[in-house]
C-alpha atoms as a PDB file:
ATOM      1  CA  MET A   1       7.208  51.838  22.772  1.00  0.00           C
ATOM      2  CA  LYS A   2       5.039  50.610  19.925  1.00  0.00           C
ATOM      3  CA  ILE A   3       2.403  47.914  20.521  1.00  0.00           C
ATOM      4  CA  ARG A   4       1.400  45.802  17.557  1.00  0.00           C
ATOM      5  CA  PRO A   5      -0.497  42.569  16.873  1.00  0.00           C
ATOM      6  CA  TYR A   6       1.322  39.250  17.112  1.00  0.00           C
ATOM      7  CA  GLN A   7       2.654  37.614  13.950  1.00  0.00           C
ATOM      8  CA  PRO A   8       3.563  33.902  13.791  1.00  0.00           C
ATOM      9  CA  THR A   9       7.160  34.844  12.950  1.00  0.00           C
ATOM     10  CA  ASP A  10       7.402  36.426  16.441  1.00  0.00           C
ATOM     11  CA  LEU A  11       6.980  33.122  18.280  1.00  0.00           C
ATOM     12  CA  ASP A  12      10.628  32.104  18.731  1.00  0.00           C
ATOM     13  CA  ILE A  13      11.573  35.551  20.049  1.00  0.00           C
ATOM     14  CA  LEU A  14       8.609  35.560  22.465  1.00  0.00           C
ATOM     15  CA  LYS A  15       9.592  32.115  23.737  1.00  0.00           C
ATOM     16  CA  ALA A  16      13.172  33.276  24.393  1.00  0.00           C
ATOM     17  CA  ILE A  17      12.008  36.430  26.191  1.00  0.00           C
ATOM     18  CA  THR A  18       9.606  34.360  28.304  1.00  0.00           C
ATOM     19  CA  VAL A  19      12.145  31.757  29.385  1.00  0.00           C
ATOM     20  CA  GLU A  20      14.574  34.450  30.509  1.00  0.00           C
ATOM     21  CA  ALA A  21      11.906  36.535  32.249  1.00  0.00           C
ATOM     22  CA  PHE A  22      10.313  33.644  34.175  1.00  0.00           C
ATOM     23  CA  GLN A  23      13.590  32.553  35.789  1.00  0.00           C
ATOM     24  CA  GLY A  24      12.774  32.289  39.505  1.00  0.00           C
ATOM     25  CA  VAL A  25       9.008  32.795  39.107  1.00  0.00           C
ATOM     26  CA  SER A  26       7.976  29.659  37.224  1.00  0.00           C
ATOM     27  CA  ILE A  27       5.962  26.793  38.678  1.00  0.00           C
ATOM     28  CA  ASP A  28       7.680  24.475  36.209  1.00  0.00           C
ATOM     29  CA  GLN A  29      11.079  25.592  37.487  1.00  0.00           C
ATOM     30  CA  GLY A  30       9.998  24.700  41.020  1.00  0.00           C
ATOM     31  CA  ILE A  31       8.912  21.273  39.814  1.00  0.00           C
ATOM     32  CA  GLU A  32      12.264  20.755  38.131  1.00  0.00           C
ATOM     33  CA  GLN A  33      14.147  21.778  41.262  1.00  0.00           C
ATOM     34  CA  LYS A  34      12.303  19.082  43.182  1.00  0.00           C
ATOM     35  CA  TYR A  35      12.093  16.287  40.580  1.00  0.00           C
ATOM     36  CA  GLY A  36      14.642  17.066  37.877  1.00  0.00           C
ATOM     37  CA  LEU A  37      13.990  16.815  34.161  1.00  0.00           C
ATOM     38  CA  ILE A  38      10.634  15.365  33.153  1.00  0.00           C
ATOM     39  CA  GLN A  39      10.455  13.197  30.039  1.00  0.00           C
ATOM     40  CA  GLY A  40      13.863  14.603  29.106  1.00  0.00           C
ATOM     41  CA  HIS A  41      12.614  18.198  29.049  1.00  0.00           C
ATOM     42  CA  ASP A  42      13.527  21.085  31.327  1.00  0.00           C
ATOM     43  CA  TRP A  43      11.244  23.799  32.698  1.00  0.00           C
ATOM     44  CA  LYS A  44      12.352  26.197  29.953  1.00  0.00           C
ATOM     45  CA  TRP A  45      11.052  23.851  27.271  1.00  0.00           C
ATOM     46  CA  ARG A  46       7.692  23.590  29.066  1.00  0.00           C
ATOM     47  CA  LYS A  47       7.421  27.351  29.634  1.00  0.00           C
ATOM     48  CA  ALA A  48       8.218  28.054  25.966  1.00  0.00           C
ATOM     49  CA  GLY A  49       5.474  25.570  25.127  1.00  0.00           C
ATOM     50  CA  HIS A  50       3.012  27.669  27.126  1.00  0.00           C
ATOM     51  CA  VAL A  51       3.695  30.602  24.804  1.00  0.00           C
ATOM     52  CA  ALA A  52       3.114  28.395  21.765  1.00  0.00           C
ATOM     53  CA  ALA A  53      -0.174  27.240  23.334  1.00  0.00           C
ATOM     54  CA  ASP A  54      -1.182  30.891  23.845  1.00  0.00           C
ATOM     55  CA  ALA A  55      -0.517  31.535  20.150  1.00  0.00           C
ATOM     56  CA  ASP A  56      -2.543  28.487  19.139  1.00  0.00           C
ATOM     57  CA  ARG A  57      -5.454  29.392  21.423  1.00  0.00           C
ATOM     58  CA  GLU A  58      -5.947  33.037  20.517  1.00  0.00           C
ATOM     59  CA  PRO A  59      -3.240  34.634  18.353  1.00  0.00           C
ATOM     60  CA  THR A  60      -5.270  37.845  17.999  1.00  0.00           C
ATOM     61  CA  GLY A  61      -4.988  38.238  21.780  1.00  0.00           C
ATOM     62  CA  ILE A  62      -1.199  38.534  21.773  1.00  0.00           C
ATOM     63  CA  PHE A  63       0.248  42.025  21.655  1.00  0.00           C
ATOM     64  CA  VAL A  64       3.925  42.665  20.973  1.00  0.00           C
ATOM     65  CA  ALA A  65       5.961  45.583  22.326  1.00  0.00           C
ATOM     66  CA  GLU A  66       8.678  47.027  20.119  1.00  0.00           C
ATOM     67  CA  LEU A  67      11.375  49.651  20.508  1.00  0.00           C
ATOM     68  CA  ASP A  68      13.189  50.742  17.353  1.00  0.00           C
ATOM     69  CA  ASP A  69      11.548  47.857  15.447  1.00  0.00           C
ATOM     70  CA  LYS A  70      12.995  45.329  17.919  1.00  0.00           C
ATOM     71  CA  ILE A  71      10.688  43.064  19.948  1.00  0.00           C
ATOM     72  CA  VAL A  72      11.249  43.819  23.628  1.00  0.00           C
ATOM     73  CA  GLY A  73       8.190  42.214  25.223  1.00  0.00           C
ATOM     74  CA  TYR A  74       4.651  40.950  24.829  1.00  0.00           C
ATOM     75  CA  ILE A  75       1.444  40.056  26.587  1.00  0.00           C
ATOM     76  CA  SER A  76      -0.774  37.099  25.759  1.00  0.00           C
ATOM     77  CA  THR A  77      -4.513  37.116  26.364  1.00  0.00           C
ATOM     78  CA  TRP A  78      -7.538  34.986  25.633  1.00  0.00           C
ATOM     79  CA  HIS A  79     -11.160  35.442  26.493  1.00  0.00           C
ATOM     80  CA  ASP A  80     -14.387  33.637  27.264  1.00  0.00           C
ATOM     81  CA  SER A  81     -17.180  35.855  25.956  1.00  0.00           C
ATOM     82  CA  GLU A  82     -19.930  33.801  27.551  1.00  0.00           C
ATOM     83  CA  ALA A  83     -18.308  33.996  30.995  1.00  0.00           C
ATOM     84  CA  GLY A  84     -17.309  37.635  30.456  1.00  0.00           C
ATOM     85  CA  ILE A  85     -13.718  37.029  31.547  1.00  0.00           C
ATOM     86  CA  GLY A  86     -10.447  37.924  29.863  1.00  0.00           C
ATOM     87  CA  TYR A  87      -7.357  35.945  30.829  1.00  0.00           C
ATOM     88  CA  ILE A  88      -3.724  37.047  30.805  1.00  0.00           C
ATOM     89  CA  PRO A  89      -1.532  33.940  30.916  1.00  0.00           C
ATOM     90  CA  ASN A  90       1.851  35.475  30.068  1.00  0.00           C
ATOM     91  CA  MET A  91       3.661  38.784  29.930  1.00  0.00           C
ATOM     92  CA  ALA A  92       7.405  39.266  29.655  1.00  0.00           C
ATOM     93  CA  PHE A  93      10.050  41.820  28.705  1.00  0.00           C
ATOM     94  CA  VAL A  94      13.748  41.734  27.949  1.00  0.00           C
ATOM     95  CA  PRO A  95      15.817  42.717  31.017  1.00  0.00           C
ATOM     96  CA  GLU A  96      16.822  46.173  29.760  1.00  0.00           C
ATOM     97  CA  CYS A  97      13.164  47.180  29.379  1.00  0.00           C
ATOM     98  CA  ARG A  98      11.920  46.164  32.810  1.00  0.00           C
ATOM     99  CA  GLY A  99      11.062  48.736  35.441  1.00  0.00           C
ATOM    100  CA  GLN A 100      10.331  51.463  32.884  1.00  0.00           C
ATOM    101  CA  GLY A 101       6.533  51.345  32.853  1.00  0.00           C
ATOM    102  CA  MET A 102       6.290  49.289  29.670  1.00  0.00           C
ATOM    103  CA  GLY A 103       4.599  46.383  31.426  1.00  0.00           C
ATOM    104  CA  ARG A 104       1.989  48.763  32.792  1.00  0.00           C
ATOM    105  CA  LYS A 105       1.330  50.125  29.291  1.00  0.00           C
ATOM    106  CA  LEU A 106       1.017  46.637  27.852  1.00  0.00           C
ATOM    107  CA  LEU A 107      -1.364  45.583  30.633  1.00  0.00           C
ATOM    108  CA  GLU A 108      -3.443  48.730  30.105  1.00  0.00           C
ATOM    109  CA  TYR A 109      -3.564  47.878  26.394  1.00  0.00           C
ATOM    110  CA  ALA A 110      -4.790  44.344  27.172  1.00  0.00           C
ATOM    111  CA  LEU A 111      -7.420  45.672  29.592  1.00  0.00           C
ATOM    112  CA  ALA A 112      -8.667  48.086  26.914  1.00  0.00           C
ATOM    113  CA  HIS A 113      -8.843  45.127  24.509  1.00  0.00           C
ATOM    114  CA  PHE A 114     -11.006  43.245  27.019  1.00  0.00           C
ATOM    115  CA  ARG A 115     -13.274  46.284  27.431  1.00  0.00           C
ATOM    116  CA  GLU A 116     -13.694  46.512  23.654  1.00  0.00           C
ATOM    117  CA  LEU A 117     -14.774  42.862  23.709  1.00  0.00           C
ATOM    118  CA  GLY A 118     -17.443  43.741  26.292  1.00  0.00           C
ATOM    119  CA  LEU A 119     -15.927  41.587  29.029  1.00  0.00           C
ATOM    120  CA  SER A 120     -16.646  42.137  32.733  1.00  0.00           C
ATOM    121  CA  LEU A 121     -13.462  40.930  34.430  1.00  0.00           C
ATOM    122  CA  ALA A 122      -9.782  40.411  33.709  1.00  0.00           C
ATOM    123  CA  LYS A 123      -7.870  37.603  35.414  1.00  0.00           C
ATOM    124  CA  ILE A 124      -4.118  37.292  35.909  1.00  0.00           C
ATOM    125  CA  GLU A 125      -2.120  34.954  38.129  1.00  0.00           C
ATOM    126  CA  THR A 126       1.318  35.278  39.642  1.00  0.00           C
ATOM    127  CA  LEU A 127       3.447  33.531  42.209  1.00  0.00           C
ATOM    128  CA  GLU A 128       3.889  34.930  45.677  1.00  0.00           C
ATOM    129  CA  GLN A 129       7.616  35.479  45.046  1.00  0.00           C
ATOM    130  CA  ASN A 130       6.906  37.744  42.052  1.00  0.00           C
ATOM    131  CA  ALA A 131       7.013  41.021  43.986  1.00  0.00           C
ATOM    132  CA  VAL A 132       7.102  43.162  40.829  1.00  0.00           C
ATOM    133  CA  GLY A 133       4.022  41.470  39.379  1.00  0.00           C
ATOM    134  CA  ASN A 134       2.143  41.600  42.661  1.00  0.00           C
ATOM    135  CA  HIS A 135       2.763  45.338  42.957  1.00  0.00           C
ATOM    136  CA  LEU A 136       1.955  46.098  39.316  1.00  0.00           C
ATOM    137  CA  TYR A 137      -1.272  44.100  39.193  1.00  0.00           C
ATOM    138  CA  THR A 138      -2.723  45.590  42.363  1.00  0.00           C
ATOM    139  CA  SER A 139      -1.770  49.097  41.190  1.00  0.00           C
ATOM    140  CA  LEU A 140      -3.949  48.501  38.110  1.00  0.00           C
ATOM    141  CA  GLY A 141      -6.974  47.449  40.143  1.00  0.00           C
ATOM    142  CA  PHE A 142      -6.515  43.683  40.293  1.00  0.00           C
ATOM    143  CA  GLN A 143      -7.579  42.306  43.657  1.00  0.00           C
ATOM    144  CA  GLU A 144      -6.531  39.025  45.210  1.00  0.00           C
ATOM    145  CA  VAL A 145      -9.494  36.657  45.399  1.00  0.00           C
ATOM    146  CA  ALA A 146      -7.785  33.369  46.294  1.00  0.00           C
ATOM    147  CA  ARG A 147      -4.463  31.668  46.913  1.00  0.00           C
ATOM    148  CA  GLN A 148      -3.564  28.404  45.278  1.00  0.00           C
ATOM    149  CA  ILE A 149      -1.050  25.745  46.237  1.00  0.00           C
ATOM    150  CA  HIS A 150       0.431  23.610  43.491  1.00  0.00           C
ATOM    151  CA  PHE A 151       1.032  19.985  44.455  1.00  0.00           C
ATOM    152  CA  VAL A 152       2.982  17.520  42.335  1.00  0.00           C
ATOM    153  CA  ALA A 153       3.155  13.753  42.887  1.00  0.00           C
ATOM    154  CA  PRO A 154       5.491  11.376  41.092  1.00  0.00           C
ATOM    155  CA  LEU A 155       3.616   8.649  39.236  1.00  0.00           C
ATOM    156  CA  ASN A 156       6.513   6.173  39.177  1.00  0.00           C
ATOM    157  CA  PRO A 157       8.917   5.403  42.030  1.00  0.00           C
ATOM    158  CA  SER A 158      11.859   6.195  39.729  1.00  0.00           C
ATOM    159  CA  ASP A 159      10.465   9.734  39.283  1.00  0.00           C
ATOM    160  CA  SER A 160      10.675  10.623  42.977  1.00  0.00           C
ATOM    161  CA  GLN A 161      14.018  12.435  42.875  1.00  0.00           C
ATOM    162  CA  SER A 162      12.818  14.551  45.770  1.00  0.00           C
ATOM    163  CA  SER A 163      15.253  16.902  47.394  1.00  0.00           C
ATOM    164  CA  ALA A 164      13.076  16.919  50.520  1.00  0.00           C
END
């Protein structure tokens, strides 16, 4: 596996990889299951938008994984030098490359990047149902410091398509 810097021409491929990889472990998908489409957009559109936001925020913090010159995954990062914290908002791989240690290598690469920047901590979040992520992150030294519950409230009565 080769790791290289992000290029703007990678964005559409990274969005597609992300949408496929986050099936079942996306907060936005949970929102959609409860409330349906929002403003005419599905969870996949919103999740792809998160990748675009990562690229806008800190394109030099995105690292792309390739096999045989084909993009197979990526990790996005951004950092706050003053706070000393590096953030990892997204990481995803194509299905055929999961479970082969590539995610670990990409995470190690991102952590080395944060060390080179002189940061003190790295932060990553995952959902409870992401067993693979939970195992991988703790195996690399990440420790759980808090649990968060995401609440959503409809702002208009017509938006309350609750399945509850």
